[in-house]
Amino acid sequence: MSARLLLASRSPRRRSLLSEARYEYEVIESRFDEPPPAPGVRAEDHAITLARGKAGDVASRLGSDRRGDVILAADTVIDLAGEILGQPSSDAAAVAMLRRLAGSTHAVVTGVVLREVGSDRTDEAAARTTLQMLPMSDDEIRAYVSSGESHGKAGSYAIQETGDRYVRVVEGSLSNVVGLPLELLARMIARFAPGLAPRGDSDEDASSAPTGS
């Protein structure tokens, strides 16, 4: 049996991105309890640590029948002038987070880990996208949080939904901001498990993946 790509995530955004990029995959949700960032840790290192934990959790629950399959885990955080922001714990936390981000230049950082089941083979990398957020009034922030779009989103906003009214990509991958840097993933798959490349994939397809300008 050929290897399968196993997505260690419950994120509907990551599932949608993988499907749109024509990857064949199976979802096995991680139960990893994400720790807060260590003092002074870089956003890239923290995001990779979280993704590594998710991949490890899934690997620990799989039997020998999944040997050779490849786990894909990812985690996205915000880097605001060196401070790492994750998902808001409540609406009040989302409001406070958006107040800090409004009018700022910040970065979205996603750590990506590929791990082969039944071996120590792994590949780890991170993508960074720089964004600018327009100033937002308190009424705009509260209305946005009340819409529900902040739930489960790093930084409390979703650029793929109505959050694109307030945020623009300065440099880097747009799919990274959504939750999975497809350009980085394509390179990782090519060197780690080329048999898992999307159906009909080609160099032309890879070069046309969405990027920010």
C-alpha atoms as a PDB file:
ATOM      1  CA  MET A   1       0.000   0.000   0.000  1.00  0.00           C
ATOM      2  CA  SER A   2       1.334   3.462  -0.871  1.00  0.00           C
ATOM      3  CA  ALA A   3       1.982   6.033   1.837  1.00  0.00           C
ATOM      4  CA  ARG A   4      -0.781   8.381   2.935  1.00  0.00           C
ATOM      5  CA  LEU A   5      -0.583  12.012   4.015  1.00  0.00           C
ATOM      6  CA  LEU A   6      -2.116  12.414   7.480  1.00  0.00           C
ATOM      7  CA  LEU A   7      -3.199  15.913   8.510  1.00  0.00           C
ATOM      8  CA  ALA A   8      -2.853  16.373  12.281  1.00  0.00           C
ATOM      9  CA  SER A   9      -5.323  19.237  12.492  1.00  0.00           C
ATOM     10  CA  ARG A  10      -8.975  20.034  13.035  1.00  0.00           C
ATOM     11  CA  SER A  11      -8.605  23.339  11.178  1.00  0.00           C
ATOM     12  CA  PRO A  12     -11.125  23.644   8.350  1.00  0.00           C
ATOM     13  CA  ARG A  13      -8.861  26.249   6.746  1.00  0.00           C
ATOM     14  CA  ARG A  14      -5.929  23.838   6.463  1.00  0.00           C
ATOM     15  CA  ARG A  15      -8.209  21.145   5.093  1.00  0.00           C
ATOM     16  CA  SER A  16      -9.572  23.554   2.499  1.00  0.00           C
ATOM     17  CA  LEU A  17      -6.094  24.659   1.423  1.00  0.00           C
ATOM     18  CA  LEU A  18      -4.898  21.062   1.028  1.00  0.00           C
ATOM     19  CA  SER A  19      -7.980  20.152  -0.974  1.00  0.00           C
ATOM     20  CA  GLU A  20      -7.686  23.204  -3.218  1.00  0.00           C
ATOM     21  CA  ALA A  21      -4.024  22.297  -3.855  1.00  0.00           C
ATOM     22  CA  ARG A  22      -5.177  18.780  -4.851  1.00  0.00           C
ATOM     23  CA  TYR A  23      -3.402  16.854  -2.090  1.00  0.00           C
ATOM     24  CA  GLU A  24      -4.870  13.502  -1.119  1.00  0.00           C
ATOM     25  CA  TYR A  25      -4.943  13.278   2.659  1.00  0.00           C
ATOM     26  CA  GLU A  26      -6.643  11.844   5.709  1.00  0.00           C
ATOM     27  CA  VAL A  27      -7.415  13.765   8.899  1.00  0.00           C
ATOM     28  CA  ILE A  28      -6.248  12.448  12.276  1.00  0.00           C
ATOM     29  CA  GLU A  29      -6.765  15.243  14.776  1.00  0.00           C
ATOM     30  CA  SER A  30      -4.054  15.976  17.297  1.00  0.00           C
ATOM     31  CA  ARG A  31      -4.841  16.060  21.021  1.00  0.00           C
ATOM     32  CA  PHE A  32      -1.640  17.921  21.854  1.00  0.00           C
ATOM     33  CA  ASP A  33      -2.008  20.441  24.688  1.00  0.00           C
ATOM     34  CA  GLU A  34      -0.196  23.509  23.371  1.00  0.00           C
ATOM     35  CA  PRO A  35       2.163  25.160  25.901  1.00  0.00           C
ATOM     36  CA  PRO A  36       2.753  28.916  26.005  1.00  0.00           C
ATOM     37  CA  PRO A  37       5.933  30.247  24.414  1.00  0.00           C
ATOM     38  CA  ALA A  38       9.116  30.129  26.468  1.00  0.00           C
ATOM     39  CA  PRO A  39      10.591  33.531  27.368  1.00  0.00           C
ATOM     40  CA  GLY A  40      12.650  34.954  24.526  1.00  0.00           C
ATOM     41  CA  VAL A  41      11.825  32.197  22.041  1.00  0.00           C
ATOM     42  CA  ARG A  42      11.580  33.154  18.351  1.00  0.00           C
ATOM     43  CA  ALA A  43       8.154  32.887  16.719  1.00  0.00           C
ATOM     44  CA  GLU A  44       9.495  30.396  14.149  1.00  0.00           C
ATOM     45  CA  ASP A  45      10.930  28.145  16.856  1.00  0.00           C
ATOM     46  CA  HIS A  46       7.736  28.234  18.917  1.00  0.00           C
ATOM     47  CA  ALA A  47       5.519  27.488  15.910  1.00  0.00           C
ATOM     48  CA  ILE A  48       7.709  24.529  14.945  1.00  0.00           C
ATOM     49  CA  THR A  49       7.691  23.267  18.550  1.00  0.00           C
ATOM     50  CA  LEU A  50       3.892  23.290  18.558  1.00  0.00           C
ATOM     51  CA  ALA A  51       3.702  21.555  15.171  1.00  0.00           C
ATOM     52  CA  ARG A  52       6.245  18.980  16.351  1.00  0.00           C
ATOM     53  CA  GLY A  53       4.104  18.282  19.409  1.00  0.00           C
ATOM     54  CA  LYS A  54       1.018  17.753  17.263  1.00  0.00           C
ATOM     55  CA  ALA A  55       2.880  15.353  14.955  1.00  0.00           C
ATOM     56  CA  GLY A  56       4.285  13.456  17.920  1.00  0.00           C
ATOM     57  CA  ASP A  57       0.869  13.065  19.502  1.00  0.00           C
ATOM     58  CA  VAL A  58      -0.619  11.594  16.336  1.00  0.00           C
ATOM     59  CA  ALA A  59       2.406   9.333  15.772  1.00  0.00           C
ATOM     60  CA  SER A  60       2.088   7.936  19.298  1.00  0.00           C
ATOM     61  CA  ARG A  61      -1.472   6.791  18.603  1.00  0.00           C
ATOM     62  CA  LEU A  62      -0.841   5.019  15.301  1.00  0.00           C
ATOM     63  CA  GLY A  63      -0.129   1.318  14.920  1.00  0.00           C
ATOM     64  CA  SER A  64       2.312  -0.547  12.734  1.00  0.00           C
ATOM     65  CA  ASP A  65      -0.266  -0.677   9.937  1.00  0.00           C
ATOM     66  CA  ARG A  66       0.367   3.046   9.336  1.00  0.00           C
ATOM     67  CA  ARG A  67       4.134   2.649   9.074  1.00  0.00           C
ATOM     68  CA  GLY A  68       5.487   4.750   6.213  1.00  0.00           C
ATOM     69  CA  ASP A  69       2.573   7.189   6.231  1.00  0.00           C
ATOM     70  CA  VAL A  70       3.525  10.859   6.622  1.00  0.00           C
ATOM     71  CA  ILE A  71       2.037  13.128   9.270  1.00  0.00           C
ATOM     72  CA  LEU A  72       1.612  16.797   8.382  1.00  0.00           C
ATOM     73  CA  ALA A  73       1.318  19.133  11.361  1.00  0.00           C
ATOM     74  CA  ALA A  74       1.271  22.928  11.399  1.00  0.00           C
ATOM     75  CA  ASP A  75       0.773  25.747  13.855  1.00  0.00           C
ATOM     76  CA  THR A  76       0.340  29.461  13.212  1.00  0.00           C
ATOM     77  CA  VAL A  77       1.231  32.332  15.544  1.00  0.00           C
ATOM     78  CA  ILE A  78       1.565  36.113  15.325  1.00  0.00           C
ATOM     79  CA  ASP A  79       4.863  37.920  15.846  1.00  0.00           C
ATOM     80  CA  LEU A  80       4.188  41.456  17.063  1.00  0.00           C
ATOM     81  CA  ALA A  81       7.548  43.186  17.581  1.00  0.00           C
ATOM     82  CA  GLY A  82       9.013  39.993  19.044  1.00  0.00           C
ATOM     83  CA  GLU A  83       5.996  39.072  21.167  1.00  0.00           C
ATOM     84  CA  ILE A  84       4.198  35.870  20.219  1.00  0.00           C
ATOM     85  CA  LEU A  85       0.398  35.974  20.053  1.00  0.00           C
ATOM     86  CA  GLY A  86      -1.732  32.891  19.534  1.00  0.00           C
ATOM     87  CA  GLN A  87      -5.472  32.302  19.493  1.00  0.00           C
ATOM     88  CA  PRO A  88      -7.674  34.360  21.829  1.00  0.00           C
ATOM     89  CA  SER A  89      -9.089  32.533  24.841  1.00  0.00           C
ATOM     90  CA  SER A  90     -12.279  34.617  24.894  1.00  0.00           C
ATOM     91  CA  ASP A  91     -14.044  37.486  23.147  1.00  0.00           C
ATOM     92  CA  ALA A  92     -12.493  39.896  25.649  1.00  0.00           C
ATOM     93  CA  ALA A  93      -9.039  38.545  24.823  1.00  0.00           C
ATOM     94  CA  ALA A  94      -9.789  38.909  21.100  1.00  0.00           C
ATOM     95  CA  VAL A  95     -10.790  42.553  21.567  1.00  0.00           C
ATOM     96  CA  ALA A  96      -7.597  43.256  23.526  1.00  0.00           C
ATOM     97  CA  MET A  97      -5.480  41.506  20.889  1.00  0.00           C
ATOM     98  CA  LEU A  98      -7.033  43.409  17.993  1.00  0.00           C
ATOM     99  CA  ARG A  99      -6.549  46.697  19.811  1.00  0.00           C
ATOM    100  CA  ARG A 100      -2.831  45.933  19.891  1.00  0.00           C
ATOM    101  CA  LEU A 101      -2.650  44.770  16.275  1.00  0.00           C
ATOM    102  CA  ALA A 102      -4.746  47.574  14.774  1.00  0.00           C
ATOM    103  CA  GLY A 103      -2.504  49.991  12.882  1.00  0.00           C
ATOM    104  CA  SER A 104       0.533  47.731  13.261  1.00  0.00           C
ATOM    105  CA  THR A 105       2.961  45.955  10.989  1.00  0.00           C
ATOM    106  CA  HIS A 106       3.309  42.392  12.223  1.00  0.00           C
ATOM    107  CA  ALA A 107       4.048  38.907  10.938  1.00  0.00           C
ATOM    108  CA  VAL A 108       2.165  35.645  10.642  1.00  0.00           C
ATOM    109  CA  VAL A 109       4.466  32.678  11.240  1.00  0.00           C
ATOM    110  CA  THR A 110       3.544  29.052  10.558  1.00  0.00           C
ATOM    111  CA  GLY A 111       5.662  26.096  11.608  1.00  0.00           C
ATOM    112  CA  VAL A 112       5.304  23.001   9.417  1.00  0.00           C
ATOM    113  CA  VAL A 113       6.448  19.491  10.358  1.00  0.00           C
ATOM    114  CA  LEU A 114       6.437  16.301   8.298  1.00  0.00           C
ATOM    115  CA  ARG A 115       7.014  13.081  10.257  1.00  0.00           C
ATOM    116  CA  GLU A 116       7.153   9.558   8.896  1.00  0.00           C
ATOM    117  CA  VAL A 117       5.215   7.058  10.992  1.00  0.00           C
ATOM    118  CA  GLY A 118       7.381   4.303  12.445  1.00  0.00           C
ATOM    119  CA  SER A 119      10.716   6.073  11.996  1.00  0.00           C
ATOM    120  CA  ASP A 120      12.683   9.095  13.169  1.00  0.00           C
ATOM    121  CA  ARG A 121      12.497  10.830   9.780  1.00  0.00           C
ATOM    122  CA  THR A 122      11.231  14.388  10.045  1.00  0.00           C
ATOM    123  CA  ASP A 123      11.397  17.642   8.133  1.00  0.00           C
ATOM    124  CA  GLU A 124      10.711  20.968   9.818  1.00  0.00           C
ATOM    125  CA  ALA A 125      10.489  24.517   8.505  1.00  0.00           C
ATOM    126  CA  ALA A 126       8.622  27.780   9.043  1.00  0.00           C
ATOM    127  CA  ALA A 127       7.179  30.501   6.832  1.00  0.00           C
ATOM    128  CA  ARG A 128       6.831  34.187   7.689  1.00  0.00           C
ATOM    129  CA  THR A 129       4.461  36.692   6.085  1.00  0.00           C
ATOM    130  CA  THR A 130       4.601  40.401   6.900  1.00  0.00           C
ATOM    131  CA  LEU A 131       1.289  42.257   7.073  1.00  0.00           C
ATOM    132  CA  GLN A 132      -0.039  45.717   7.761  1.00  0.00           C
ATOM    133  CA  MET A 133      -3.308  46.206   9.619  1.00  0.00           C
ATOM    134  CA  LEU A 134      -5.314  49.382   9.241  1.00  0.00           C
ATOM    135  CA  PRO A 135      -6.344  51.308  12.339  1.00  0.00           C
ATOM    136  CA  MET A 136      -9.651  50.063  13.747  1.00  0.00           C
ATOM    137  CA  SER A 137     -12.074  51.878  16.025  1.00  0.00           C
ATOM    138  CA  ASP A 138     -13.338  50.183  19.161  1.00  0.00           C
ATOM    139  CA  ASP A 139     -16.762  49.838  17.528  1.00  0.00           C
ATOM    140  CA  GLU A 140     -15.190  48.109  14.510  1.00  0.00           C
ATOM    141  CA  ILE A 141     -13.185  45.780  16.734  1.00  0.00           C
ATOM    142  CA  ARG A 142     -16.179  44.802  18.858  1.00  0.00           C
ATOM    143  CA  ALA A 143     -18.360  44.275  15.792  1.00  0.00           C
ATOM    144  CA  TYR A 144     -15.701  42.088  14.206  1.00  0.00           C
ATOM    145  CA  VAL A 145     -15.284  39.961  17.343  1.00  0.00           C
ATOM    146  CA  SER A 146     -19.079  39.686  17.706  1.00  0.00           C
ATOM    147  CA  SER A 147     -19.228  38.238  14.183  1.00  0.00           C
ATOM    148  CA  GLY A 148     -17.408  35.138  15.441  1.00  0.00           C
ATOM    149  CA  GLU A 149     -14.517  35.389  12.976  1.00  0.00           C
ATOM    150  CA  SER A 150     -11.974  35.798  15.781  1.00  0.00           C
ATOM    151  CA  HIS A 151     -12.668  32.354  17.240  1.00  0.00           C
ATOM    152  CA  GLY A 152      -9.802  29.936  16.770  1.00  0.00           C
ATOM    153  CA  LYS A 153      -7.707  32.410  14.761  1.00  0.00           C
ATOM    154  CA  ALA A 154      -4.145  33.387  15.595  1.00  0.00           C
ATOM    155  CA  GLY A 155      -4.196  37.127  16.117  1.00  0.00           C
ATOM    156  CA  SER A 156      -8.011  37.088  16.346  1.00  0.00           C
ATOM    157  CA  TYR A 157      -8.616  37.738  12.642  1.00  0.00           C
ATOM    158  CA  ALA A 158      -9.087  35.819   9.396  1.00  0.00           C
ATOM    159  CA  ILE A 159      -7.751  37.394   6.204  1.00  0.00           C
ATOM    160  CA  GLN A 160      -9.728  34.905   4.091  1.00  0.00           C
ATOM    161  CA  GLU A 161     -13.003  36.186   5.537  1.00  0.00           C
ATOM    162  CA  THR A 162     -14.065  39.795   6.167  1.00  0.00           C
ATOM    163  CA  GLY A 163     -10.763  40.506   7.937  1.00  0.00           C
ATOM    164  CA  ASP A 164      -9.290  41.286   4.535  1.00  0.00           C
ATOM    165  CA  ARG A 165     -10.901  44.730   4.833  1.00  0.00           C
ATOM    166  CA  TYR A 166      -8.350  45.607   7.498  1.00  0.00           C
ATOM    167  CA  VAL A 167      -5.213  43.653   6.568  1.00  0.00           C
ATOM    168  CA  ARG A 168      -2.926  43.583   3.548  1.00  0.00           C
ATOM    169  CA  VAL A 169       0.050  41.361   2.797  1.00  0.00           C
ATOM    170  CA  VAL A 170       3.318  43.285   2.537  1.00  0.00           C
ATOM    171  CA  GLU A 171       5.633  40.368   1.839  1.00  0.00           C
ATOM    172  CA  GLY A 172       5.252  36.590   1.817  1.00  0.00           C
ATOM    173  CA  SER A 173       2.703  33.860   1.311  1.00  0.00           C
ATOM    174  CA  LEU A 174      -1.034  34.524   1.487  1.00  0.00           C
ATOM    175  CA  SER A 175      -1.817  30.847   2.155  1.00  0.00           C
ATOM    176  CA  ASN A 176       0.499  31.093   5.173  1.00  0.00           C
ATOM    177  CA  VAL A 177      -1.784  33.758   6.633  1.00  0.00           C
ATOM    178  CA  VAL A 178      -4.766  31.459   6.096  1.00  0.00           C
ATOM    179  CA  GLY A 179      -2.969  28.710   8.007  1.00  0.00           C
ATOM    180  CA  LEU A 180      -0.731  26.602   5.756  1.00  0.00           C
ATOM    181  CA  PRO A 181       2.087  27.913   3.501  1.00  0.00           C
ATOM    182  CA  LEU A 182       1.478  25.870   0.356  1.00  0.00           C
ATOM    183  CA  GLU A 183       4.681  27.001  -1.339  1.00  0.00           C
ATOM    184  CA  LEU A 184       6.799  25.799   1.595  1.00  0.00           C
ATOM    185  CA  LEU A 185       4.795  22.588   1.879  1.00  0.00           C
ATOM    186  CA  ALA A 186       5.345  21.772  -1.801  1.00  0.00           C
ATOM    187  CA  ARG A 187       9.116  22.068  -1.346  1.00  0.00           C
ATOM    188  CA  MET A 188       9.049  19.949   1.806  1.00  0.00           C
ATOM    189  CA  ILE A 189       6.940  17.217   0.198  1.00  0.00           C
ATOM    190  CA  ALA A 190       9.226  17.180  -2.862  1.00  0.00           C
ATOM    191  CA  ARG A 191      12.285  16.369  -0.767  1.00  0.00           C
ATOM    192  CA  PHE A 192      10.652  14.263   1.970  1.00  0.00           C
ATOM    193  CA  ALA A 193       7.915  12.238   0.266  1.00  0.00           C
ATOM    194  CA  PRO A 194       7.634  13.076  -3.453  1.00  0.00           C
ATOM    195  CA  GLY A 195       5.047  10.341  -3.922  1.00  0.00           C
ATOM    196  CA  LEU A 196       2.607  12.476  -1.921  1.00  0.00           C
ATOM    197  CA  ALA A 197       2.735  15.419  -4.321  1.00  0.00           C
ATOM    198  CA  PRO A 198      -0.688  16.564  -5.571  1.00  0.00           C
ATOM    199  CA  ARG A 199      -2.319  14.799  -8.495  1.00  0.00           C
ATOM    200  CA  GLY A 200      -1.168  16.412 -11.734  1.00  0.00           C
ATOM    201  CA  ASP A 201       1.366  18.542  -9.874  1.00  0.00           C
ATOM    202  CA  SER A 202       4.020  20.235 -11.947  1.00  0.00           C
ATOM    203  CA  ASP A 203       6.650  22.934 -11.658  1.00  0.00           C
ATOM    204  CA  GLU A 204       4.213  25.306 -13.338  1.00  0.00           C
ATOM    205  CA  ASP A 205       1.528  24.505 -10.759  1.00  0.00           C
ATOM    206  CA  ALA A 206       3.958  25.038  -7.899  1.00  0.00           C
ATOM    207  CA  SER A 207       5.108  28.377  -9.276  1.00  0.00           C
ATOM    208  CA  SER A 208       1.523  29.610  -9.555  1.00  0.00           C
ATOM    209  CA  ALA A 209       0.672  29.007  -5.890  1.00  0.00           C
ATOM    210  CA  PRO A 210      -0.747  32.153  -4.241  1.00  0.00           C
ATOM    211  CA  THR A 211       1.758  34.610  -2.809  1.00  0.00           C
ATOM    212  CA  GLY A 212       1.544  38.055  -1.347  1.00  0.00           C
ATOM    213  CA  SER A 213       3.004  41.029  -3.159  1.00  0.00           C
END
